[in-house]
Amino acid sequence: MRINEVLIKPVVTEKAMDLYNREGKYTFEVDLWASKKDVKKAMKEVFDVEIEDVKIIVLPGKKRRVTKTSLFTTTQMKKKAIFKLKKGKLDIYQG
């Protein structure tokens, strides 16, 4: 897997911001096929930081109604990586 395909975007929600402010952990949406090693390698090459810990969460797709009848579809699955840096900071949540 290529480095530029692993990290999709930072997650900027109330819960992610609270996790950053309380514990200094960052949250990124990553590719479904990315592993912990891929995330560590991508963060090191893109942001030039050392990562202490990585946790991966797979979010299943949600069932959504398409029409007024009983026709349903499912949204796409997502994968998030929550990680903590050994030292330093990223400027993704400022501004």
Protein backbone atom coordinates (compact mmCIF):
# COMPACT_ATOMS: atom_id res chain seq x y z
CA MET A 1 0.00 0.00 0.00
CA ARG A 2 1.31 3.44 -0.93
CA ILE A 3 1.90 6.03 1.78
CA ASN A 4 -0.38 8.63 0.19
CA GLU A 5 -3.32 6.16 0.23
CA VAL A 6 -3.18 5.31 3.94
CA LEU A 7 -4.21 8.60 5.59
CA ILE A 8 -7.48 9.98 4.24
CA LYS A 9 -8.32 12.95 6.49
CA PRO A 10 -8.24 14.07 10.12
CA VAL A 11 -11.46 13.58 12.07
CA VAL A 12 -12.71 16.89 13.49
CA THR A 13 -15.66 16.08 15.76
CA GLU A 14 -16.46 17.07 19.32
CA LYS A 15 -15.36 13.67 20.61
CA ALA A 16 -12.07 13.78 18.66
CA MET A 17 -11.33 17.31 19.86
CA ASP A 18 -12.09 16.34 23.46
CA LEU A 19 -9.74 13.35 23.13
CA TYR A 20 -7.04 15.67 21.78
CA ASN A 21 -7.51 18.26 24.55
CA ARG A 22 -7.64 15.75 27.44
CA GLU A 23 -5.14 13.08 26.37
CA GLY A 24 -3.21 14.53 23.43
CA LYS A 25 -4.46 11.86 21.00
CA TYR A 26 -5.08 12.49 17.31
CA THR A 27 -7.78 10.85 15.19
CA PHE A 28 -7.49 10.17 11.46
CA GLU A 29 -9.71 8.38 8.99
CA VAL A 30 -7.58 5.75 7.26
CA ASP A 31 -7.96 3.29 4.39
CA LEU A 32 -9.93 0.12 5.15
CA TRP A 33 -6.96 -2.09 4.25
CA ALA A 34 -4.38 -0.13 6.30
CA SER A 35 -2.78 -1.83 9.29
CA LYS A 36 -1.21 -0.32 12.41
CA LYS A 37 2.23 -0.63 10.81
CA ASP A 38 1.02 1.18 7.68
CA VAL A 39 -0.40 4.04 9.79
CA LYS A 40 2.83 4.41 11.79
CA LYS A 41 4.93 4.41 8.63
CA ALA A 42 2.68 6.97 6.90
CA MET A 43 2.66 9.32 9.89
CA LYS A 44 6.45 9.13 10.17
CA GLU A 45 6.95 9.95 6.50
CA VAL A 46 4.23 12.59 6.10
CA PHE A 47 4.53 14.50 9.40
CA ASP A 48 8.04 13.37 10.54
CA VAL A 49 6.89 12.35 14.06
CA GLU A 50 7.34 9.30 16.28
CA ILE A 51 4.18 7.49 17.35
CA GLU A 52 3.86 5.93 20.79
CA ASP A 53 0.56 4.04 20.43
CA VAL A 54 -1.99 3.32 17.67
CA LYS A 55 -5.53 2.05 18.09
CA ILE A 56 -7.67 1.08 15.09
CA ILE A 57 -11.48 1.23 15.03
CA VAL A 58 -13.62 -0.21 12.23
CA LEU A 59 -17.01 1.49 11.93
CA PRO A 60 -19.67 -0.60 10.15
CA GLY A 61 -21.96 0.98 7.57
CA LYS A 62 -25.36 2.24 8.70
CA LYS A 63 -28.69 1.19 7.27
CA ARG A 64 -30.46 4.08 5.49
CA ARG A 65 -33.91 4.28 3.91
CA VAL A 66 -33.90 5.14 0.21
CA THR A 67 -37.63 5.45 -0.49
CA LYS A 68 -40.84 5.60 1.51
CA THR A 69 -41.32 1.89 0.94
CA SER A 70 -39.13 -0.71 2.55
CA LEU A 71 -36.10 -0.18 0.29
CA PHE A 72 -32.87 0.21 2.27
CA THR A 73 -29.21 0.68 1.47
CA THR A 74 -26.08 0.60 3.59
CA THR A 75 -23.49 3.39 3.88
CA GLN A 76 -19.81 2.67 3.46
CA MET A 77 -17.66 1.19 6.23
CA LYS A 78 -14.98 3.46 7.71
CA LYS A 79 -11.79 2.89 9.63
CA LYS A 80 -10.31 5.32 12.15
CA ALA A 81 -6.87 5.39 13.73
CA ILE A 82 -6.36 7.02 17.13
CA PHE A 83 -2.73 7.59 18.01
CA LYS A 84 -0.53 9.36 20.53
CA LEU A 85 2.82 10.97 19.76
CA LYS A 86 5.98 10.30 21.79
CA LYS A 87 6.84 14.01 21.75
CA GLY A 88 5.91 17.08 19.76
CA LYS A 89 2.62 18.23 18.27
CA LEU A 90 0.82 18.35 14.94
CA ASP A 91 -0.83 21.55 13.76
CA ILE A 92 -3.88 19.90 12.20
CA TYR A 93 -6.43 21.10 14.79
CA GLN A 94 -5.22 24.73 15.11
CA GLY A 95 -6.91 27.45 13.09
